[in-house]
Amino acid sequence: MSHKDWLSRQQRQKQGIEKAHKQGKYRGKQADYERHKKVIYYRNIKKLSIYETSEATGYSSSQVCRIQRLYALKNEKN
């Protein structure tokens, strides 16, 4: 019974998200650019390691790498 309830809730959420997408209202979780700036600052200016940066910002090590790669690509394009 609970599994059926879970499936119906999941289906209804999916329908709601699709409807919001069509209306242009749903954008997903937005990035915290202030925290991204901290990551770039700690990595490039303070020369902290990935682990130290993740501890200081609260991001995982893999997220620190993703952010760093994202901003490296942006700088290459400009």
C-alpha atoms as a PDB file:
ATOM      1  CA  MET A   1       0.000   0.000   0.000  1.00  0.00           C
ATOM      2  CA  SER A   2       2.728   2.458   0.930  1.00  0.00           C
ATOM      3  CA  HIS A   3       4.647   1.620  -2.235  1.00  0.00           C
ATOM      4  CA  LYS A   4       1.563   2.431  -4.315  1.00  0.00           C
ATOM      5  CA  ASP A   5       1.212   5.777  -2.510  1.00  0.00           C
ATOM      6  CA  TRP A   6       4.872   6.518  -3.126  1.00  0.00           C
ATOM      7  CA  LEU A   7       4.520   5.723  -6.841  1.00  0.00           C
ATOM      8  CA  SER A   8       1.442   7.928  -7.225  1.00  0.00           C
ATOM      9  CA  ARG A   9       3.183  10.839  -5.422  1.00  0.00           C
ATOM     10  CA  GLN A  10       6.218  10.404  -7.649  1.00  0.00           C
ATOM     11  CA  GLN A  11       4.026  10.413 -10.763  1.00  0.00           C
ATOM     12  CA  ARG A  12       2.114  13.524  -9.638  1.00  0.00           C
ATOM     13  CA  GLN A  13       5.355  15.372  -8.879  1.00  0.00           C
ATOM     14  CA  LYS A  14       6.685  14.466 -12.309  1.00  0.00           C
ATOM     15  CA  GLN A  15       3.488  15.804 -13.913  1.00  0.00           C
ATOM     16  CA  GLY A  16       3.751  19.028 -11.901  1.00  0.00           C
ATOM     17  CA  ILE A  17       7.367  19.570 -12.891  1.00  0.00           C
ATOM     18  CA  GLU A  18       6.586  18.958 -16.576  1.00  0.00           C
ATOM     19  CA  LYS A  19       3.703  21.447 -16.404  1.00  0.00           C
ATOM     20  CA  ALA A  20       5.939  24.048 -14.725  1.00  0.00           C
ATOM     21  CA  HIS A  21       8.626  23.474 -17.397  1.00  0.00           C
ATOM     22  CA  LYS A  22       6.095  24.204 -20.132  1.00  0.00           C
ATOM     23  CA  GLN A  23       5.019  27.406 -18.364  1.00  0.00           C
ATOM     24  CA  GLY A  24       8.641  28.459 -17.881  1.00  0.00           C
ATOM     25  CA  LYS A  25       8.344  28.521 -14.089  1.00  0.00           C
ATOM     26  CA  TYR A  26      10.562  25.588 -13.131  1.00  0.00           C
ATOM     27  CA  ARG A  27      14.309  26.084 -13.328  1.00  0.00           C
ATOM     28  CA  GLY A  28      15.563  23.540 -10.816  1.00  0.00           C
ATOM     29  CA  LYS A  29      17.931  24.324  -7.991  1.00  0.00           C
ATOM     30  CA  GLN A  30      19.951  27.457  -8.726  1.00  0.00           C
ATOM     31  CA  ALA A  31      23.692  27.668  -8.108  1.00  0.00           C
ATOM     32  CA  ASP A  32      25.048  29.713  -5.186  1.00  0.00           C
ATOM     33  CA  TYR A  33      27.485  31.962  -7.042  1.00  0.00           C
ATOM     34  CA  GLU A  34      28.824  33.591  -3.852  1.00  0.00           C
ATOM     35  CA  ARG A  35      29.937  30.179  -2.626  1.00  0.00           C
ATOM     36  CA  HIS A  36      31.409  29.457  -6.054  1.00  0.00           C
ATOM     37  CA  LYS A  37      33.480  32.634  -5.767  1.00  0.00           C
ATOM     38  CA  LYS A  38      34.794  31.380  -2.417  1.00  0.00           C
ATOM     39  CA  VAL A  39      35.875  28.110  -4.024  1.00  0.00           C
ATOM     40  CA  ILE A  40      37.733  29.933  -6.797  1.00  0.00           C
ATOM     41  CA  TYR A  41      39.313  32.301  -4.262  1.00  0.00           C
ATOM     42  CA  TYR A  42      40.503  29.482  -1.999  1.00  0.00           C
ATOM     43  CA  ARG A  43      41.865  27.430  -4.904  1.00  0.00           C
ATOM     44  CA  ASN A  44      43.505  30.187  -6.990  1.00  0.00           C
ATOM     45  CA  ILE A  45      44.459  32.935  -4.528  1.00  0.00           C
ATOM     46  CA  LYS A  46      45.024  31.099  -1.242  1.00  0.00           C
ATOM     47  CA  LYS A  47      46.307  27.956  -3.011  1.00  0.00           C
ATOM     48  CA  LEU A  48      44.390  25.566  -0.733  1.00  0.00           C
ATOM     49  CA  SER A  49      44.087  21.918  -1.670  1.00  0.00           C
ATOM     50  CA  ILE A  50      40.830  20.469  -2.945  1.00  0.00           C
ATOM     51  CA  TYR A  51      40.228  18.816   0.431  1.00  0.00           C
ATOM     52  CA  GLU A  52      40.940  22.039   2.374  1.00  0.00           C
ATOM     53  CA  THR A  53      38.654  23.986   0.037  1.00  0.00           C
ATOM     54  CA  SER A  54      35.872  21.455   0.474  1.00  0.00           C
ATOM     55  CA  GLU A  55      36.211  21.678   4.256  1.00  0.00           C
ATOM     56  CA  ALA A  56      36.145  25.492   4.166  1.00  0.00           C
ATOM     57  CA  THR A  57      33.145  25.822   1.838  1.00  0.00           C
ATOM     58  CA  GLY A  58      31.063  22.806   2.785  1.00  0.00           C
ATOM     59  CA  TYR A  59      31.114  21.377  -0.735  1.00  0.00           C
ATOM     60  CA  SER A  60      32.292  17.857  -1.504  1.00  0.00           C
ATOM     61  CA  SER A  61      35.672  17.392  -3.151  1.00  0.00           C
ATOM     62  CA  SER A  62      34.040  16.387  -6.427  1.00  0.00           C
ATOM     63  CA  GLN A  63      31.828  19.511  -6.357  1.00  0.00           C
ATOM     64  CA  VAL A  64      34.915  21.686  -5.826  1.00  0.00           C
ATOM     65  CA  CYS A  65      36.454  20.087  -8.927  1.00  0.00           C
ATOM     66  CA  ARG A  66      33.256  20.650 -10.935  1.00  0.00           C
ATOM     67  CA  ILE A  67      33.100  24.323  -9.940  1.00  0.00           C
ATOM     68  CA  GLN A  68      36.766  24.827 -10.740  1.00  0.00           C
ATOM     69  CA  ARG A  69      36.326  23.179 -14.155  1.00  0.00           C
ATOM     70  CA  LEU A  70      33.199  25.271 -14.860  1.00  0.00           C
ATOM     71  CA  TYR A  71      35.011  28.550 -14.235  1.00  0.00           C
ATOM     72  CA  ALA A  72      38.102  27.402 -16.135  1.00  0.00           C
ATOM     73  CA  LEU A  73      35.895  26.766 -19.181  1.00  0.00           C
ATOM     74  CA  LYS A  74      34.222  30.161 -18.815  1.00  0.00           C
ATOM     75  CA  ASN A  75      37.618  31.881 -18.707  1.00  0.00           C
ATOM     76  CA  GLU A  76      38.804  30.024 -21.804  1.00  0.00           C
ATOM     77  CA  LYS A  77      35.787  31.211 -23.771  1.00  0.00           C
ATOM     78  CA  ASN A  78      36.343  34.856 -22.800  1.00  0.00           C
END
